[in-house]
C-alpha atoms as a PDB file:
ATOM      1  CA  MET A   1     -27.454 -14.464  28.112  1.00  0.00           C
ATOM      2  CA  SER A   2     -24.976 -12.018  29.988  1.00  0.00           C
ATOM      3  CA  ARG A   3     -24.091  -8.658  28.573  1.00  0.00           C
ATOM      4  CA  PRO A   4     -21.747  -9.016  25.697  1.00  0.00           C
ATOM      5  CA  ILE A   5     -17.889  -8.268  25.689  1.00  0.00           C
ATOM      6  CA  THR A   6     -17.274  -5.199  23.271  1.00  0.00           C
ATOM      7  CA  VAL A   7     -13.717  -4.825  21.791  1.00  0.00           C
ATOM      8  CA  ARG A   8     -12.389  -1.689  20.175  1.00  0.00           C
ATOM      9  CA  LEU A   9     -10.257  -2.879  17.454  1.00  0.00           C
ATOM     10  CA  ILE A  10      -7.140  -0.871  16.509  1.00  0.00           C
ATOM     11  CA  GLY A  11      -4.158  -0.866  14.025  1.00  0.00           C
ATOM     12  CA  GLY A  12      -3.423  -3.036  11.264  1.00  0.00           C
ATOM     13  CA  LEU A  13      -4.684  -6.730  10.625  1.00  0.00           C
ATOM     14  CA  GLY A  14      -2.262  -8.376  13.189  1.00  0.00           C
ATOM     15  CA  ASN A  15      -3.340  -5.910  15.915  1.00  0.00           C
ATOM     16  CA  GLN A  16      -7.072  -6.314  14.813  1.00  0.00           C
ATOM     17  CA  LEU A  17      -6.897  -9.995  15.372  1.00  0.00           C
ATOM     18  CA  PHE A  18      -5.200  -9.646  18.656  1.00  0.00           C
ATOM     19  CA  GLY A  19      -7.949  -7.484  20.001  1.00  0.00           C
ATOM     20  CA  TYR A  20     -10.639  -9.796  18.517  1.00  0.00           C
ATOM     21  CA  TYR A  21      -9.052 -13.109  20.121  1.00  0.00           C
ATOM     22  CA  ALA A  22      -8.808 -11.231  23.514  1.00  0.00           C
ATOM     23  CA  GLY A  23     -12.459 -10.385  23.336  1.00  0.00           C
ATOM     24  CA  ALA A  24     -13.267 -13.853  22.232  1.00  0.00           C
ATOM     25  CA  ALA A  25     -11.344 -15.297  25.213  1.00  0.00           C
ATOM     26  CA  LEU A  26     -13.192 -13.181  27.661  1.00  0.00           C
ATOM     27  CA  ALA A  27     -16.673 -13.727  25.961  1.00  0.00           C
ATOM     28  CA  GLY A  28     -16.129 -17.534  26.070  1.00  0.00           C
ATOM     29  CA  MET A  29     -15.131 -17.309  29.779  1.00  0.00           C
ATOM     30  CA  ARG A  30     -18.179 -15.301  30.569  1.00  0.00           C
ATOM     31  CA  ARG A  31     -20.395 -17.457  28.293  1.00  0.00           C
ATOM     32  CA  THR A  32     -21.606 -14.484  26.470  1.00  0.00           C
ATOM     33  CA  SER A  33     -21.657 -12.828  22.914  1.00  0.00           C
ATOM     34  CA  LEU A  34     -18.824 -10.711  21.424  1.00  0.00           C
ATOM     35  CA  ARG A  35     -19.180  -7.189  19.857  1.00  0.00           C
ATOM     36  CA  LEU A  36     -16.528  -5.779  17.587  1.00  0.00           C
ATOM     37  CA  ASP A  37     -16.111  -1.891  17.440  1.00  0.00           C
ATOM     38  CA  ILE A  38     -14.207  -1.155  14.291  1.00  0.00           C
ATOM     39  CA  SER A  39     -14.491   2.593  14.345  1.00  0.00           C
ATOM     40  CA  HIS A  40     -10.766   3.241  15.404  1.00  0.00           C
ATOM     41  CA  THR A  41      -9.033   0.851  13.045  1.00  0.00           C
ATOM     42  CA  ARG A  42      -8.189   3.500  10.446  1.00  0.00           C
ATOM     43  CA  LEU A  43      -6.271   5.694  13.057  1.00  0.00           C
ATOM     44  CA  GLY A  44      -2.463   5.581  13.642  1.00  0.00           C
ATOM     45  CA  ILE A  45       0.778   6.070  11.546  1.00  0.00           C
ATOM     46  CA  THR A  46      -0.843   4.241   8.413  1.00  0.00           C
ATOM     47  CA  ASP A  47      -4.429   3.435   7.535  1.00  0.00           C
ATOM     48  CA  HIS A  48      -4.293  -0.310   7.219  1.00  0.00           C
ATOM     49  CA  GLY A  49      -7.977  -0.631   6.390  1.00  0.00           C
ATOM     50  CA  ILE A  50     -10.184  -3.144   8.149  1.00  0.00           C
ATOM     51  CA  GLY A  51      -8.790  -6.400   6.932  1.00  0.00           C
ATOM     52  CA  ILE A  52     -10.264  -8.568   9.576  1.00  0.00           C
ATOM     53  CA  LEU A  53     -13.630  -8.181   8.031  1.00  0.00           C
ATOM     54  CA  ASP A  54     -12.394 -10.268   5.176  1.00  0.00           C
ATOM     55  CA  PHE A  55     -12.098 -13.382   7.564  1.00  0.00           C
ATOM     56  CA  ASP A  56     -15.333 -15.310   8.427  1.00  0.00           C
ATOM     57  CA  LEU A  57     -15.170 -14.576  12.236  1.00  0.00           C
ATOM     58  CA  PRO A  58     -18.158 -14.824  14.402  1.00  0.00           C
ATOM     59  CA  GLY A  59     -19.519 -11.745  16.277  1.00  0.00           C
ATOM     60  CA  ASP A  60     -21.542  -8.721  16.120  1.00  0.00           C
ATOM     61  CA  TRP A  61     -19.783  -6.305  13.953  1.00  0.00           C
ATOM     62  CA  LEU A  62     -20.697  -2.654  14.775  1.00  0.00           C
ATOM     63  CA  PRO A  63     -20.953  -0.119  12.034  1.00  0.00           C
ATOM     64  CA  GLU A  64     -17.519   1.775  11.173  1.00  0.00           C
ATOM     65  CA  ARG A  65     -19.231   5.033  11.658  1.00  0.00           C
ATOM     66  CA  ARG A  66     -21.741   5.700  14.396  1.00  0.00           C
ATOM     67  CA  SER A  67     -23.140   9.110  15.412  1.00  0.00           C
ATOM     68  CA  TRP A  68     -21.672   9.860  18.791  1.00  0.00           C
ATOM     69  CA  SER A  69     -18.553   7.616  18.870  1.00  0.00           C
ATOM     70  CA  THR A  70     -16.927   8.223  15.523  1.00  0.00           C
ATOM     71  CA  PRO A  71     -13.338   9.346  16.375  1.00  0.00           C
ATOM     72  CA  GLY A  72     -12.555  12.932  15.960  1.00  0.00           C
ATOM     73  CA  ARG A  73     -16.215  14.145  16.194  1.00  0.00           C
ATOM     74  CA  LEU A  74     -17.083  16.386  19.313  1.00  0.00           C
ATOM     75  CA  PRO A  75     -19.140  13.789  21.252  1.00  0.00           C
ATOM     76  CA  SER A  76     -16.228  11.284  20.984  1.00  0.00           C
ATOM     77  CA  ARG A  77     -13.514  13.633  21.924  1.00  0.00           C
ATOM     78  CA  ALA A  78     -15.552  14.909  24.862  1.00  0.00           C
ATOM     79  CA  MET A  79     -16.255  11.545  26.312  1.00  0.00           C
ATOM     80  CA  GLY A  80     -12.600  10.743  25.835  1.00  0.00           C
ATOM     81  CA  ARG A  81     -11.667  13.667  28.033  1.00  0.00           C
ATOM     82  CA  LEU A  82     -14.294  12.887  30.684  1.00  0.00           C
ATOM     83  CA  GLN A  83     -12.660   9.388  30.960  1.00  0.00           C
ATOM     84  CA  ARG A  84      -9.191  10.683  31.393  1.00  0.00           C
ATOM     85  CA  ALA A  85     -10.324  13.237  33.997  1.00  0.00           C
ATOM     86  CA  ILE A  86     -12.744  10.984  35.959  1.00  0.00           C
ATOM     87  CA  PRO A  87     -11.213   7.414  35.856  1.00  0.00           C
ATOM     88  CA  ALA A  88     -14.416   6.241  37.985  1.00  0.00           C
ATOM     89  CA  LEU A  89     -16.524   6.951  34.804  1.00  0.00           C
ATOM     90  CA  GLY A  90     -14.655   4.585  32.819  1.00  0.00           C
ATOM     91  CA  ARG A  91     -15.083   1.937  35.604  1.00  0.00           C
ATOM     92  CA  MET A  92     -18.916   2.688  35.728  1.00  0.00           C
ATOM     93  CA  MET A  93     -19.013   2.175  31.960  1.00  0.00           C
ATOM     94  CA  ARG A  94     -17.215  -1.014  32.368  1.00  0.00           C
ATOM     95  CA  ILE A  95     -14.352   0.313  30.059  1.00  0.00           C
ATOM     96  CA  TYR A  96     -11.056  -1.645  30.727  1.00  0.00           C
ATOM     97  CA  THR A  97      -8.217  -0.006  29.055  1.00  0.00           C
ATOM     98  CA  SER A  98      -5.179  -2.373  29.088  1.00  0.00           C
ATOM     99  CA  THR A  99      -1.791  -0.684  30.034  1.00  0.00           C
ATOM    100  CA  ALA A 100       0.116  -3.760  28.811  1.00  0.00           C
ATOM    101  CA  VAL A 101       0.926  -4.216  25.137  1.00  0.00           C
ATOM    102  CA  GLY A 102       1.516  -7.926  25.738  1.00  0.00           C
ATOM    103  CA  HIS A 103      -0.306 -10.558  27.894  1.00  0.00           C
ATOM    104  CA  ASP A 104      -2.550  -8.858  30.425  1.00  0.00           C
ATOM    105  CA  THR A 105      -3.563 -11.080  33.380  1.00  0.00           C
ATOM    106  CA  ASN A 106      -6.391  -8.991  34.233  1.00  0.00           C
ATOM    107  CA  VAL A 107      -8.357  -9.544  31.161  1.00  0.00           C
ATOM    108  CA  LEU A 108      -9.852 -13.176  31.833  1.00  0.00           C
ATOM    109  CA  THR A 109     -11.015 -11.856  35.269  1.00  0.00           C
ATOM    110  CA  LEU A 110     -13.062  -9.155  33.963  1.00  0.00           C
ATOM    111  CA  PRO A 111     -16.917  -9.113  34.146  1.00  0.00           C
ATOM    112  CA  ALA A 112     -19.477  -9.562  31.351  1.00  0.00           C
ATOM    113  CA  GLY A 113     -20.399  -6.259  29.803  1.00  0.00           C
ATOM    114  CA  THR A 114     -16.737  -5.097  29.758  1.00  0.00           C
ATOM    115  CA  ARG A 115     -15.560  -2.925  26.870  1.00  0.00           C
ATOM    116  CA  LEU A 116     -11.986  -3.675  26.129  1.00  0.00           C
ATOM    117  CA  ARG A 117      -9.520  -1.296  24.849  1.00  0.00           C
ATOM    118  CA  GLY A 118      -5.766  -1.900  24.102  1.00  0.00           C
ATOM    119  CA  TYR A 119      -3.420  -4.180  21.991  1.00  0.00           C
ATOM    120  CA  PHE A 120      -3.600  -7.425  23.837  1.00  0.00           C
ATOM    121  CA  GLN A 121      -0.708  -9.220  22.136  1.00  0.00           C
ATOM    122  CA  SER A 122      -0.868 -12.416  23.893  1.00  0.00           C
ATOM    123  CA  TRP A 123      -0.579 -15.905  22.527  1.00  0.00           C
ATOM    124  CA  LYS A 124      -2.279 -17.069  25.915  1.00  0.00           C
ATOM    125  CA  LEU A 125      -5.371 -15.130  25.224  1.00  0.00           C
ATOM    126  CA  ALA A 126      -5.553 -16.376  21.595  1.00  0.00           C
ATOM    127  CA  SER A 127      -4.980 -19.844  22.880  1.00  0.00           C
ATOM    128  CA  THR A 128      -7.834 -19.317  25.344  1.00  0.00           C
ATOM    129  CA  ALA A 129     -10.269 -18.425  22.451  1.00  0.00           C
ATOM    130  CA  LEU A 130      -9.480 -21.665  20.763  1.00  0.00           C
ATOM    131  CA  ASP A 131     -10.712 -23.590  23.579  1.00  0.00           C
ATOM    132  CA  PHE A 132     -14.180 -21.821  23.273  1.00  0.00           C
ATOM    133  CA  GLY A 133     -14.369 -22.923  19.606  1.00  0.00           C
ATOM    134  CA  TYR A 134     -12.954 -19.866  18.084  1.00  0.00           C
ATOM    135  CA  PRO A 135     -10.940 -20.879  14.794  1.00  0.00           C
ATOM    136  CA  ARG A 136      -7.151 -20.908  14.699  1.00  0.00           C
ATOM    137  CA  ARG A 137      -7.176 -20.198  11.055  1.00  0.00           C
ATOM    138  CA  PRO A 138     -10.375 -18.446  10.163  1.00  0.00           C
ATOM    139  CA  ALA A 139     -11.753 -19.071   6.643  1.00  0.00           C
ATOM    140  CA  LEU A 140     -11.799 -16.262   3.989  1.00  0.00           C
ATOM    141  CA  LYS A 141     -15.236 -14.948   3.158  1.00  0.00           C
ATOM    142  CA  GLN A 142     -14.286 -14.787  -0.524  1.00  0.00           C
ATOM    143  CA  PRO A 143     -10.997 -16.421  -1.231  1.00  0.00           C
ATOM    144  CA  SER A 144      -9.441 -15.315  -4.633  1.00  0.00           C
ATOM    145  CA  ALA A 145      -7.913 -17.798  -7.270  1.00  0.00           C
ATOM    146  CA  TRP A 146      -4.554 -16.531  -6.175  1.00  0.00           C
ATOM    147  CA  ALA A 147      -5.077 -17.303  -2.591  1.00  0.00           C
ATOM    148  CA  ASP A 148      -6.401 -20.815  -3.317  1.00  0.00           C
ATOM    149  CA  GLU A 149      -3.394 -21.402  -5.700  1.00  0.00           C
ATOM    150  CA  ILE A 150      -0.628 -20.224  -3.274  1.00  0.00           C
ATOM    151  CA  ALA A 151      -2.323 -22.173  -0.272  1.00  0.00           C
ATOM    152  CA  GLY A 152      -2.523 -25.440  -2.536  1.00  0.00           C
ATOM    153  CA  ARG A 153       1.132 -24.933  -3.564  1.00  0.00           C
ATOM    154  CA  ALA A 154       2.286 -24.426   0.004  1.00  0.00           C
ATOM    155  CA  THR A 155       0.464 -27.462   1.274  1.00  0.00           C
ATOM    156  CA  GLN A 156       2.265 -29.573  -1.513  1.00  0.00           C
ATOM    157  CA  GLN A 157       5.824 -27.986  -1.372  1.00  0.00           C
ATOM    158  CA  LYS A 158       5.786 -27.108   2.483  1.00  0.00           C
ATOM    159  CA  PRO A 159       7.852 -23.809   1.785  1.00  0.00           C
ATOM    160  CA  LEU A 160       9.781 -21.978   4.430  1.00  0.00           C
ATOM    161  CA  ILE A 161       7.682 -18.898   4.672  1.00  0.00           C
ATOM    162  CA  VAL A 162      10.002 -15.758   5.409  1.00  0.00           C
ATOM    163  CA  HIS A 163       8.130 -12.448   6.353  1.00  0.00           C
ATOM    164  CA  VAL A 164      10.217  -9.237   5.734  1.00  0.00           C
ATOM    165  CA  ARG A 165       8.260  -6.016   7.233  1.00  0.00           C
ATOM    166  CA  ARG A 166       9.233  -2.634   6.000  1.00  0.00           C
ATOM    167  CA  GLY A 167       6.576  -0.101   4.971  1.00  0.00           C
ATOM    168  CA  ASP A 168       5.454   2.088   7.833  1.00  0.00           C
ATOM    169  CA  TYR A 169       8.371   0.351  10.057  1.00  0.00           C
ATOM    170  CA  ALA A 170      10.851   2.636   8.288  1.00  0.00           C
ATOM    171  CA  LEU A 171       9.078   5.607   9.943  1.00  0.00           C
ATOM    172  CA  VAL A 172       9.346   4.518  13.594  1.00  0.00           C
ATOM    173  CA  ASP A 173      12.855   3.965  14.759  1.00  0.00           C
ATOM    174  CA  GLU A 174      11.876   2.216  17.862  1.00  0.00           C
ATOM    175  CA  PHE A 175      10.534  -0.748  15.872  1.00  0.00           C
ATOM    176  CA  GLY A 176      13.556  -1.442  13.952  1.00  0.00           C
ATOM    177  CA  LEU A 177      14.200  -3.098  10.626  1.00  0.00           C
ATOM    178  CA  LEU A 178      15.751  -6.684  10.532  1.00  0.00           C
ATOM    179  CA  GLY A 179      18.790  -7.048   8.389  1.00  0.00           C
ATOM    180  CA  ARG A 180      20.119  -9.738   6.197  1.00  0.00           C
ATOM    181  CA  SER A 181      22.118 -11.554   8.916  1.00  0.00           C
ATOM    182  CA  TYR A 182      19.013 -12.285  11.010  1.00  0.00           C
ATOM    183  CA  TYR A 183      17.262 -13.932   8.081  1.00  0.00           C
ATOM    184  CA  ALA A 184      20.275 -15.840   6.917  1.00  0.00           C
ATOM    185  CA  ALA A 185      20.904 -17.348  10.468  1.00  0.00           C
ATOM    186  CA  ALA A 186      17.254 -18.134  10.810  1.00  0.00           C
ATOM    187  CA  ILE A 187      17.008 -19.939   7.491  1.00  0.00           C
ATOM    188  CA  GLU A 188      20.215 -21.798   8.475  1.00  0.00           C
ATOM    189  CA  ARG A 189      18.730 -22.933  11.718  1.00  0.00           C
ATOM    190  CA  MET A 190      15.634 -24.140   9.950  1.00  0.00           C
ATOM    191  CA  ARG A 191      17.746 -26.100   7.607  1.00  0.00           C
ATOM    192  CA  GLU A 192      19.651 -27.597  10.386  1.00  0.00           C
ATOM    193  CA  ARG A 193      16.126 -28.573  11.887  1.00  0.00           C
ATOM    194  CA  GLY A 194      15.337 -30.586   8.667  1.00  0.00           C
ATOM    195  CA  VAL A 195      13.192 -28.015   7.014  1.00  0.00           C
ATOM    196  CA  SER A 196      13.929 -28.588   3.424  1.00  0.00           C
ATOM    197  CA  GLY A 197      11.289 -26.845   1.421  1.00  0.00           C
ATOM    198  CA  PRO A 198      11.801 -23.746  -0.893  1.00  0.00           C
ATOM    199  CA  VAL A 199      12.103 -20.335   0.659  1.00  0.00           C
ATOM    200  CA  TRP A 200       9.128 -18.218  -0.094  1.00  0.00           C
ATOM    201  CA  VAL A 201       9.344 -14.467   0.856  1.00  0.00           C
ATOM    202  CA  PHE A 202       6.395 -12.319   1.685  1.00  0.00           C
ATOM    203  CA  SER A 203       6.784  -8.585   2.187  1.00  0.00           C
ATOM    204  CA  ASP A 204       5.177  -5.289   2.018  1.00  0.00           C
ATOM    205  CA  ASP A 205       8.259  -4.049   0.192  1.00  0.00           C
ATOM    206  CA  PRO A 206       9.227  -6.824  -2.362  1.00  0.00           C
ATOM    207  CA  ASP A 207      12.053  -4.948  -3.887  1.00  0.00           C
ATOM    208  CA  ALA A 208      13.693  -4.384  -0.488  1.00  0.00           C
ATOM    209  CA  ALA A 209      12.934  -8.101   0.403  1.00  0.00           C
ATOM    210  CA  ALA A 210      14.697  -9.428  -2.601  1.00  0.00           C
ATOM    211  CA  ASP A 211      17.900  -7.856  -1.397  1.00  0.00           C
ATOM    212  CA  ILE A 212      17.713  -9.073   1.910  1.00  0.00           C
ATOM    213  CA  VAL A 213      16.375 -12.778   1.516  1.00  0.00           C
ATOM    214  CA  ASP A 214      17.452 -15.256  -1.219  1.00  0.00           C
ATOM    215  CA  GLY A 215      14.115 -16.853  -2.289  1.00  0.00           C
ATOM    216  CA  GLU A 216      11.054 -16.799  -4.452  1.00  0.00           C
ATOM    217  CA  ILE A 217       9.186 -13.536  -4.000  1.00  0.00           C
ATOM    218  CA  ILE A 218       5.571 -14.112  -3.656  1.00  0.00           C
ATOM    219  CA  THR A 219       3.255 -11.253  -4.711  1.00  0.00           C
ATOM    220  CA  GLY A 220      -0.068 -11.033  -6.431  1.00  0.00           C
ATOM    221  CA  SER A 221      -2.545 -10.048  -3.786  1.00  0.00           C
ATOM    222  CA  ALA A 222      -3.304  -6.585  -2.336  1.00  0.00           C
ATOM    223  CA  ASN A 223      -5.504  -8.353   0.267  1.00  0.00           C
ATOM    224  CA  ALA A 224      -3.878  -8.465   3.561  1.00  0.00           C
ATOM    225  CA  ALA A 225      -6.258 -11.283   5.059  1.00  0.00           C
ATOM    226  CA  GLU A 226      -5.851 -13.530   2.047  1.00  0.00           C
ATOM    227  CA  GLU A 227      -1.940 -12.986   2.006  1.00  0.00           C
ATOM    228  CA  MET A 228      -1.828 -13.890   5.657  1.00  0.00           C
ATOM    229  CA  TRP A 229      -4.079 -16.854   5.212  1.00  0.00           C
ATOM    230  CA  ALA A 230      -2.058 -18.171   2.150  1.00  0.00           C
ATOM    231  CA  MET A 231       1.124 -17.796   4.318  1.00  0.00           C
ATOM    232  CA  SER A 232      -0.351 -19.917   7.174  1.00  0.00           C
ATOM    233  CA  HIS A 233      -0.182 -22.894   4.779  1.00  0.00           C
ATOM    234  CA  GLY A 234       3.637 -23.336   4.750  1.00  0.00           C
ATOM    235  CA  GLY A 235       5.892 -25.853   6.306  1.00  0.00           C
ATOM    236  CA  ALA A 236       7.702 -23.432   8.606  1.00  0.00           C
ATOM    237  CA  HIS A 237       8.131 -19.700   9.446  1.00  0.00           C
ATOM    238  CA  VAL A 238      10.613 -17.042   9.892  1.00  0.00           C
ATOM    239  CA  ILE A 239       8.926 -13.983  11.052  1.00  0.00           C
ATOM    240  CA  ALA A 240       9.663 -10.313  11.214  1.00  0.00           C
ATOM    241  CA  ASN A 241       9.034  -8.178  14.263  1.00  0.00           C
ATOM    242  CA  SER A 242       5.498  -7.856  12.987  1.00  0.00           C
ATOM    243  CA  THR A 243       1.982  -8.942  14.204  1.00  0.00           C
ATOM    244  CA  PHE A 244       1.151  -9.922  10.599  1.00  0.00           C
ATOM    245  CA  GLY A 245       3.878 -12.426  10.413  1.00  0.00           C
ATOM    246  CA  TRP A 246       3.007 -13.548  13.874  1.00  0.00           C
ATOM    247  CA  TRP A 247      -0.514 -14.411  12.943  1.00  0.00           C
ATOM    248  CA  ALA A 248       0.434 -16.098   9.725  1.00  0.00           C
ATOM    249  CA  ALA A 249       2.533 -18.582  11.654  1.00  0.00           C
ATOM    250  CA  TRP A 250       0.019 -18.862  14.564  1.00  0.00           C
ATOM    251  CA  MET A 251      -2.710 -19.765  12.006  1.00  0.00           C
ATOM    252  CA  ASN A 252      -0.694 -22.721  10.986  1.00  0.00           C
ATOM    253  CA  ALA A 253      -0.670 -26.056  12.821  1.00  0.00           C
ATOM    254  CA  ALA A 254       0.375 -25.914  16.201  1.00  0.00           C
ATOM    255  CA  ARG A 255       3.684 -27.850  15.872  1.00  0.00           C
ATOM    256  CA  THR A 256       4.933 -25.891  12.883  1.00  0.00           C
ATOM    257  CA  PRO A 257       8.611 -24.716  13.269  1.00  0.00           C
ATOM    258  CA  VAL A 258       8.724 -20.839  13.752  1.00  0.00           C
ATOM    259  CA  ILE A 259      11.627 -18.458  14.610  1.00  0.00           C
ATOM    260  CA  ALA A 260      10.975 -15.161  15.847  1.00  0.00           C
ATOM    261  CA  PRO A 261      13.380 -12.197  16.612  1.00  0.00           C
ATOM    262  CA  THR A 262      14.415 -11.100  20.156  1.00  0.00           C
ATOM    263  CA  PRO A 263      14.080  -8.597  21.306  1.00  0.00           C
ATOM    264  CA  TRP A 264      10.740  -7.855  19.272  1.00  0.00           C
ATOM    265  CA  PHE A 265      11.689  -4.102  18.875  1.00  0.00           C
ATOM    266  CA  ARG A 266      14.864  -2.318  18.558  1.00  0.00           C
ATOM    267  CA  THR A 267      14.438   0.200  21.362  1.00  0.00           C
ATOM    268  CA  GLY A 268      10.641  -0.085  21.940  1.00  0.00           C
ATOM    269  CA  PRO A 269       8.751  -1.856  24.935  1.00  0.00           C
ATOM    270  CA  VAL A 270       9.508  -5.428  25.973  1.00  0.00           C
ATOM    271  CA  ILE A 271       6.233  -7.464  25.183  1.00  0.00           C
ATOM    272  CA  ASP A 272       5.677 -10.121  27.597  1.00  0.00           C
ATOM    273  CA  GLY A 273       3.513 -13.028  26.514  1.00  0.00           C
ATOM    274  CA  LEU A 274       3.813 -12.578  22.784  1.00  0.00           C
ATOM    275  CA  ILE A 275       5.965 -15.460  21.628  1.00  0.00           C
ATOM    276  CA  PRO A 276       4.614 -18.938  22.562  1.00  0.00           C
ATOM    277  CA  PRO A 277       6.979 -21.024  24.358  1.00  0.00           C
ATOM    278  CA  GLU A 278       7.420 -23.638  21.578  1.00  0.00           C
ATOM    279  CA  TRP A 279       8.543 -21.072  19.072  1.00  0.00           C
ATOM    280  CA  ASP A 280      12.448 -20.463  18.620  1.00  0.00           C
ATOM    281  CA  ARG A 281      14.060 -17.235  19.145  1.00  0.00           C
ATOM    282  CA  LEU A 282      16.859 -15.759  17.461  1.00  0.00           C
ATOM    283  CA  ASP A 283      18.987 -12.803  18.184  1.00  0.00           C
ATOM    284  CA  ALA A 284      17.843  -9.737  16.076  1.00  0.00           C
ATOM    285  CA  ASP A 285      20.211  -8.101  13.619  1.00  0.00           C
ATOM    286  CA  TRP A 286      19.099  -4.574  12.739  1.00  0.00           C
ATOM    287  CA  ALA A 287      19.506  -2.978   9.597  1.00  0.00           C
ATOM    288  CA  GLY A 288      21.290   0.414   9.481  1.00  0.00           C
END
């Protein structure tokens, strides 16, 4: 077998999954194995943990802490400085750092043995990974009674899943917090499309969400992966500008109705290739 594709995963669960599926797509194209580097997932504005490990996803998972490459240690810092100073060194090491946040057309042209770094927020790469047998909705390693109950209820009641993102988004003005008008308009559009199930609201700030969306606030789990997995069993989705809600919607069946805000960020970068063409877009209404 050819040398493996290695992906350095970063950010919260949504971004960890984007990195994973980008690596999976390239590994499938090159008919080689996939290695996952989780040593950088706890860096950033907020430590979201390594939620991806709660999914049963194939691959060779490297230890979180390794001798020379652990973030912050002298060898890791020195190597980072060398790569920035001498770009050819990164190429020699087959390190590819994406400058795009969204779809990167270069990814699937890269050779076996490549080490991927970046966000890779692309529905096309996620879809390509499915073509090679990677799961659209990965199973949980240890689903809780809560997850099984919510997923079972959702399968029966086909609720409209509404995701309200707050948390660390309140710390970054460029991201933007979606307001009540966006959610009200999105729910109305879903009703016009014939989505008749009850509104279920998931949020990292349930109290704030209760003031923004009228519906049943679903709580009871502190596990990000099982919450995302449970959300993916709904009848339709209204998502926030959050990769967490994106993945909950993506993991659902391919023809499930989804509404996403446009633009994705209030003043941040435009992310090309993030929203699948079959999803609806609705003008964002920013709070504050």
